[in-house]
Structure formats: structure tokens, C-alpha cells
């Protein structure tokens, strides 16, 4: 069994007055920097009361670009500003510093 590398990811909900409808959940997108795959991996269907998840099965000593998206009943909002984190080089459980990103107002430019 190999070492598992992970990165905790947390965010703050957008202010209620900026919602474009009822908040119904979040998604988190992530991909290694410099990856040739243009499509990020995505964690979907995160409940609207959840504000942190653990990204798992990451590569060691790799920088990841992470964004969050707030979803309302109208649809997904824009991606948050990206956060870049690096997984540890060597660790029994792997790890990373915490990534924090704040979803922008859904529907905002």
C-alpha cells in the first residue's frame, strides 16, 4: 500500500445578499500545475452546509491549482480565485497546507 497524499480545502460561503437564488451546493476543481490535461478533476454535489473537504489521492511534492464554485438553483456561479498548494515530499500520510478559497457571487463577471 502506497503513501496517500492529500490536501484539506476550505472556503467561506458567499454572502446571502450576493446569491442569485438559493444556494444548493458547491464543487471544487483541482489539477496539477503544468498538467497536460486541460480538464481539472472535480468534486461535485458538495452540500451547501459543507465548507471543507479533503482532496485525496494526490501526487507527492506537486503543486495543485484549486478553485471552488458555488451553485444556486439558477446554476453554477463563477470559479473563485485560484489557490495553489503543494503536497508534502515525504510523509506517512502525506499532506499539504490548507487551501482556502472564497466563492465569488454566483452570476458575477
N, C-alpha and C. Protein backbone atom coordinates (compact mmCIF):
# COMPACT_ATOMS: atom_id res chain seq x y z
N UNK A 1 0.85 -1.18 0.00
CA UNK A 1 0.00 0.00 0.00
C UNK A 1 0.89 1.24 0.00
N UNK A 2 0.67 2.14 -0.94
CA UNK A 2 1.49 3.33 -1.07
C UNK A 2 1.05 4.44 -0.14
N UNK A 3 1.85 5.48 -0.14
CA UNK A 3 1.55 6.65 0.67
C UNK A 3 0.41 7.44 0.02
N UNK A 4 -0.49 7.93 0.84
CA UNK A 4 -1.60 8.75 0.36
C UNK A 4 -1.27 10.20 0.63
N UNK A 5 -1.36 11.02 -0.42
CA UNK A 5 -1.15 12.46 -0.28
C UNK A 5 -2.49 13.15 -0.41
N UNK A 6 -2.68 14.16 0.41
CA UNK A 6 -3.97 14.82 0.47
C UNK A 6 -3.78 16.31 0.70
N UNK A 7 -4.87 17.07 0.50
CA UNK A 7 -4.87 18.50 0.78
C UNK A 7 -6.24 18.88 1.31
N UNK A 8 -6.30 19.41 2.53
CA UNK A 8 -7.58 19.93 3.01
C UNK A 8 -7.91 21.20 2.25
N UNK A 9 -9.16 21.40 1.96
CA UNK A 9 -9.62 22.56 1.20
C UNK A 9 -10.84 23.13 1.92
N UNK A 10 -10.80 24.42 2.23
CA UNK A 10 -11.93 25.05 2.91
C UNK A 10 -12.27 26.37 2.23
N UNK A 11 -13.49 26.82 2.45
CA UNK A 11 -13.96 28.06 1.85
C UNK A 11 -15.04 28.67 2.72
N UNK A 12 -15.36 29.92 2.42
CA UNK A 12 -16.47 30.61 3.09
C UNK A 12 -17.61 30.77 2.09
N UNK A 13 -18.85 30.62 2.55
CA UNK A 13 -19.98 30.80 1.64
C UNK A 13 -20.04 32.25 1.17
N UNK A 14 -20.55 32.47 -0.03
CA UNK A 14 -20.74 33.85 -0.46
C UNK A 14 -21.82 34.50 0.40
N UNK A 15 -21.74 35.81 0.61
CA UNK A 15 -22.77 36.49 1.42
C UNK A 15 -24.16 36.27 0.82
N UNK A 16 -25.17 36.05 1.66
CA UNK A 16 -26.53 35.76 1.16
C UNK A 16 -27.05 36.81 0.18
N UNK A 17 -26.70 38.07 0.39
CA UNK A 17 -27.22 39.12 -0.49
C UNK A 17 -26.62 39.05 -1.90
N UNK A 18 -25.58 38.23 -2.09
CA UNK A 18 -24.98 38.09 -3.42
C UNK A 18 -25.46 36.85 -4.16
N UNK A 19 -26.26 36.02 -3.49
CA UNK A 19 -26.75 34.80 -4.13
C UNK A 19 -27.69 35.15 -5.27
N UNK A 20 -27.62 34.37 -6.30
CA UNK A 20 -28.52 34.52 -7.44
C UNK A 20 -29.51 33.36 -7.37
N UNK A 21 -30.28 33.32 -6.28
CA UNK A 21 -31.15 32.19 -5.98
C UNK A 21 -30.64 31.49 -4.74
N UNK A 22 -31.34 30.43 -4.33
CA UNK A 22 -30.95 29.69 -3.13
C UNK A 22 -29.67 28.89 -3.38
N UNK A 23 -28.75 28.95 -2.42
CA UNK A 23 -27.50 28.19 -2.50
C UNK A 23 -27.83 26.71 -2.36
N UNK A 24 -27.42 25.89 -3.35
CA UNK A 24 -27.75 24.46 -3.32
C UNK A 24 -26.52 23.57 -3.19
N UNK A 25 -25.32 24.15 -3.26
CA UNK A 25 -24.13 23.33 -3.08
C UNK A 25 -22.89 23.97 -3.68
N UNK A 26 -21.82 23.18 -3.66
CA UNK A 26 -20.52 23.63 -4.16
C UNK A 26 -19.88 22.54 -4.99
N UNK A 27 -18.90 22.94 -5.78
CA UNK A 27 -17.99 21.99 -6.41
C UNK A 27 -16.57 22.54 -6.24
N UNK A 28 -15.61 21.64 -6.19
CA UNK A 28 -14.21 22.00 -6.07
C UNK A 28 -13.48 21.41 -7.27
N UNK A 29 -12.69 22.25 -7.94
CA UNK A 29 -11.92 21.81 -9.10
C UNK A 29 -10.44 21.91 -8.77
N UNK A 30 -9.68 20.91 -9.20
CA UNK A 30 -8.24 20.93 -8.91
C UNK A 30 -7.48 20.18 -10.00
N UNK A 31 -6.25 20.65 -10.24
CA UNK A 31 -5.37 19.97 -11.19
C UNK A 31 -3.94 20.35 -10.90
N UNK A 32 -3.00 19.47 -11.21
CA UNK A 32 -1.59 19.81 -11.00
C UNK A 32 -1.18 20.96 -11.93
N UNK A 33 -0.38 21.87 -11.42
CA UNK A 33 0.16 22.93 -12.26
C UNK A 33 1.04 22.29 -13.32
N UNK A 34 0.97 22.78 -14.53
CA UNK A 34 1.79 22.24 -15.60
C UNK A 34 1.25 20.95 -16.19
N UNK A 35 0.09 20.52 -15.75
CA UNK A 35 -0.51 19.29 -16.27
C UNK A 35 -0.88 19.47 -17.74
N UNK A 36 -0.69 18.41 -18.52
CA UNK A 36 -1.06 18.47 -19.92
C UNK A 36 -2.55 18.22 -20.11
N UNK A 37 -3.22 17.75 -19.07
CA UNK A 37 -4.66 17.52 -19.13
C UNK A 37 -5.36 18.85 -18.85
N UNK A 38 -6.06 19.41 -19.84
CA UNK A 38 -6.70 20.71 -19.64
C UNK A 38 -7.91 20.66 -18.71
N UNK A 39 -8.48 19.47 -18.52
CA UNK A 39 -9.67 19.34 -17.68
C UNK A 39 -9.27 19.05 -16.24
N UNK A 40 -9.72 19.89 -15.30
CA UNK A 40 -9.41 19.61 -13.89
C UNK A 40 -10.25 18.45 -13.36
N UNK A 41 -9.76 17.84 -12.29
CA UNK A 41 -10.59 16.88 -11.56
C UNK A 41 -11.61 17.71 -10.80
N UNK A 42 -12.74 17.11 -10.50
CA UNK A 42 -13.80 17.88 -9.86
C UNK A 42 -14.52 17.05 -8.82
N UNK A 43 -14.78 17.66 -7.68
CA UNK A 43 -15.62 17.06 -6.64
C UNK A 43 -16.94 17.82 -6.71
N UNK A 44 -18.01 17.10 -7.01
CA UNK A 44 -19.32 17.73 -7.19
C UNK A 44 -20.28 17.35 -6.07
N UNK A 45 -21.42 17.99 -6.09
CA UNK A 45 -22.52 17.67 -5.17
C UNK A 45 -22.12 17.82 -3.71
N UNK A 46 -21.34 18.84 -3.41
CA UNK A 46 -20.97 19.14 -2.02
C UNK A 46 -22.15 19.91 -1.42
N UNK A 47 -22.71 19.44 -0.31
CA UNK A 47 -23.88 20.09 0.28
C UNK A 47 -23.62 21.56 0.63
N UNK A 48 -24.65 22.41 0.61
CA UNK A 48 -24.47 23.84 0.86
C UNK A 48 -24.03 24.16 2.28
N UNK A 49 -24.19 23.23 3.21
CA UNK A 49 -23.74 23.47 4.60
C UNK A 49 -22.30 23.06 4.82
N UNK A 50 -21.68 22.43 3.83
CA UNK A 50 -20.28 21.97 3.93
C UNK A 50 -19.35 23.09 3.47
N UNK A 51 -18.30 23.35 4.24
CA UNK A 51 -17.34 24.38 3.86
C UNK A 51 -15.90 23.87 3.86
N UNK A 52 -15.73 22.56 3.90
CA UNK A 52 -14.39 21.99 3.78
C UNK A 52 -14.47 20.54 3.33
N UNK A 53 -13.48 20.14 2.56
CA UNK A 53 -13.37 18.75 2.13
C UNK A 53 -11.89 18.38 2.13
N UNK A 54 -11.62 17.11 1.94
CA UNK A 54 -10.25 16.63 1.85
C UNK A 54 -10.04 16.08 0.44
N UNK A 55 -9.14 16.71 -0.31
CA UNK A 55 -8.79 16.20 -1.64
C UNK A 55 -7.79 15.08 -1.44
N UNK A 56 -8.08 13.91 -1.97
CA UNK A 56 -7.26 12.73 -1.72
C UNK A 56 -6.66 12.19 -3.01
N UNK A 57 -5.75 11.24 -2.86
CA UNK A 57 -5.09 10.56 -3.98
C UNK A 57 -4.31 11.55 -4.85
N UNK A 58 -3.63 12.50 -4.19
CA UNK A 58 -2.81 13.47 -4.91
C UNK A 58 -1.38 12.95 -5.05
N UNK A 59 -0.64 13.54 -5.96
CA UNK A 59 0.75 13.16 -6.17
C UNK A 59 1.64 13.90 -5.17
N UNK A 60 2.72 13.22 -4.74
CA UNK A 60 3.61 13.86 -3.77
C UNK A 60 4.39 14.99 -4.42
N UNK A 61 4.71 16.00 -3.59
CA UNK A 61 5.54 17.14 -3.96
C UNK A 61 5.08 17.75 -5.28
N UNK A 62 3.77 17.99 -5.36
CA UNK A 62 3.16 18.53 -6.57
C UNK A 62 2.32 19.74 -6.21
N UNK A 63 2.41 20.79 -7.02
CA UNK A 63 1.57 21.97 -6.81
C UNK A 63 0.24 21.77 -7.54
N UNK A 64 -0.82 22.08 -6.83
CA UNK A 64 -2.17 21.97 -7.38
C UNK A 64 -2.84 23.32 -7.40
N UNK A 65 -3.58 23.59 -8.46
CA UNK A 65 -4.42 24.78 -8.58
C UNK A 65 -5.83 24.35 -8.17
N UNK A 66 -6.38 25.03 -7.16
CA UNK A 66 -7.68 24.64 -6.61
C UNK A 66 -8.63 25.84 -6.68
N UNK A 67 -9.85 25.59 -7.15
CA UNK A 67 -10.89 26.62 -7.15
C UNK A 67 -12.19 26.02 -6.63
N UNK A 68 -13.08 26.88 -6.17
CA UNK A 68 -14.40 26.44 -5.75
C UNK A 68 -15.45 27.17 -6.59
N UNK A 69 -16.61 26.57 -6.69
CA UNK A 69 -17.74 27.15 -7.40
C UNK A 69 -18.98 26.98 -6.52
N UNK A 70 -19.68 28.07 -6.26
CA UNK A 70 -20.96 27.99 -5.55
C UNK A 70 -22.06 27.75 -6.58
N UNK A 71 -23.00 26.87 -6.24
CA UNK A 71 -24.12 26.58 -7.13
C UNK A 71 -25.41 27.05 -6.46
N UNK A 72 -26.26 27.69 -7.25
CA UNK A 72 -27.58 28.08 -6.78
C UNK A 72 -28.61 27.35 -7.61
N UNK A 73 -29.87 27.56 -7.28
CA UNK A 73 -30.93 26.92 -8.06
C UNK A 73 -30.92 27.41 -9.51
N UNK A 74 -30.29 28.57 -9.77
CA UNK A 74 -30.18 29.11 -11.12
C UNK A 74 -29.06 28.42 -11.90
N UNK A 75 -28.03 27.93 -11.20
CA UNK A 75 -26.91 27.27 -11.85
C UNK A 75 -25.61 27.60 -11.15
N UNK A 76 -24.47 27.19 -11.73
CA UNK A 76 -23.18 27.46 -11.11
C UNK A 76 -22.76 28.91 -11.26
N UNK A 77 -22.09 29.42 -10.25
CA UNK A 77 -21.50 30.75 -10.33
C UNK A 77 -20.12 30.65 -10.93
N UNK A 78 -19.38 31.75 -10.93
CA UNK A 78 -18.02 31.72 -11.46
C UNK A 78 -17.07 31.02 -10.49
N UNK A 79 -15.94 30.56 -11.02
CA UNK A 79 -14.92 29.97 -10.17
C UNK A 79 -14.33 31.03 -9.27
N UNK A 80 -13.94 30.61 -8.07
CA UNK A 80 -13.24 31.51 -7.16
C UNK A 80 -11.85 31.79 -7.73
N UNK A 81 -11.17 32.73 -7.12
CA UNK A 81 -9.76 32.94 -7.45
C UNK A 81 -9.01 31.66 -7.09
N UNK A 82 -8.05 31.26 -7.91
CA UNK A 82 -7.35 30.01 -7.60
C UNK A 82 -6.42 30.13 -6.41
N UNK A 83 -6.26 29.01 -5.73
CA UNK A 83 -5.29 28.87 -4.64
C UNK A 83 -4.34 27.77 -5.08
N UNK A 84 -3.05 27.98 -4.86
CA UNK A 84 -2.06 26.96 -5.22
C UNK A 84 -1.48 26.38 -3.93
N UNK A 85 -1.50 25.05 -3.84
CA UNK A 85 -0.92 24.36 -2.69
C UNK A 85 0.04 23.30 -3.20
N UNK A 86 1.00 22.92 -2.35
CA UNK A 86 1.95 21.86 -2.70
C UNK A 86 1.81 20.75 -1.68
N UNK A 87 1.71 19.53 -2.18
CA UNK A 87 1.69 18.38 -1.28
C UNK A 87 3.09 18.17 -0.71
N UNK A 88 3.17 17.44 0.39
CA UNK A 88 4.45 17.17 1.03
C UNK A 88 5.29 16.23 0.18
N UNK A 89 6.60 16.31 0.37
CA UNK A 89 7.52 15.43 -0.35
C UNK A 89 7.53 14.05 0.28
N UNK A 90 7.61 14.01 1.59
CA UNK A 90 7.62 12.74 2.31
C UNK A 90 6.82 12.87 3.58
N UNK A 91 5.88 11.98 3.75
CA UNK A 91 5.08 11.95 4.97
C UNK A 91 4.34 10.62 5.01
N UNK A 92 4.10 10.13 6.20
CA UNK A 92 3.44 8.84 6.30
C UNK A 92 2.01 8.91 5.77
N UNK A 93 1.36 10.02 5.98
CA UNK A 93 0.01 10.20 5.45
C UNK A 93 -0.03 11.26 4.36
N UNK A 94 1.11 11.83 4.02
CA UNK A 94 1.12 12.91 3.05
C UNK A 94 0.60 14.17 3.69
N UNK A 95 0.19 15.10 2.91
CA UNK A 95 -0.39 16.29 3.45
C UNK A 95 -0.10 17.51 2.63
N UNK A 96 -0.61 18.58 3.08
CA UNK A 96 -0.43 19.87 2.43
C UNK A 96 -0.90 20.93 3.40
N UNK A 97 -0.50 22.16 3.14
CA UNK A 97 -1.09 23.24 3.93
C UNK A 97 -2.53 23.38 3.46
N UNK A 98 -3.33 24.01 4.25
CA UNK A 98 -4.74 24.15 3.92
C UNK A 98 -4.92 25.13 2.76
N UNK A 99 -5.80 24.79 1.88
CA UNK A 99 -6.15 25.67 0.78
C UNK A 99 -7.45 26.36 1.12
N UNK A 100 -7.49 27.65 1.00
CA UNK A 100 -8.71 28.39 1.24
C UNK A 100 -9.05 29.21 0.02
N UNK A 101 -10.29 29.15 -0.38
CA UNK A 101 -10.73 29.99 -1.47
C UNK A 101 -12.16 30.41 -1.18
N UNK A 102 -12.50 31.57 -1.66
CA UNK A 102 -13.80 32.15 -1.38
C UNK A 102 -14.59 32.22 -2.68
N UNK A 103 -15.72 31.51 -2.75
CA UNK A 103 -16.52 31.61 -3.96
C UNK A 103 -16.98 33.04 -4.19
N UNK A 104 -16.97 33.46 -5.43
CA UNK A 104 -17.47 34.78 -5.77
C UNK A 104 -18.97 34.73 -5.89
N UNK A 105 -19.57 35.88 -6.04
CA UNK A 105 -21.01 35.98 -6.20
C UNK A 105 -21.45 35.17 -7.41
N UNK A 106 -22.39 34.23 -7.25
CA UNK A 106 -22.86 33.48 -8.41
C UNK A 106 -23.43 34.43 -9.46
N UNK A 107 -23.04 34.21 -10.69
CA UNK A 107 -23.52 35.05 -11.79
C UNK A 107 -22.72 36.32 -11.98
N UNK A 108 -21.74 36.59 -11.10
CA UNK A 108 -20.94 37.82 -11.23
C UNK A 108 -19.89 37.63 -12.33
N UNK A 109 -19.49 38.71 -12.98
CA UNK A 109 -18.47 38.60 -14.04
C UNK A 109 -17.11 38.25 -13.46
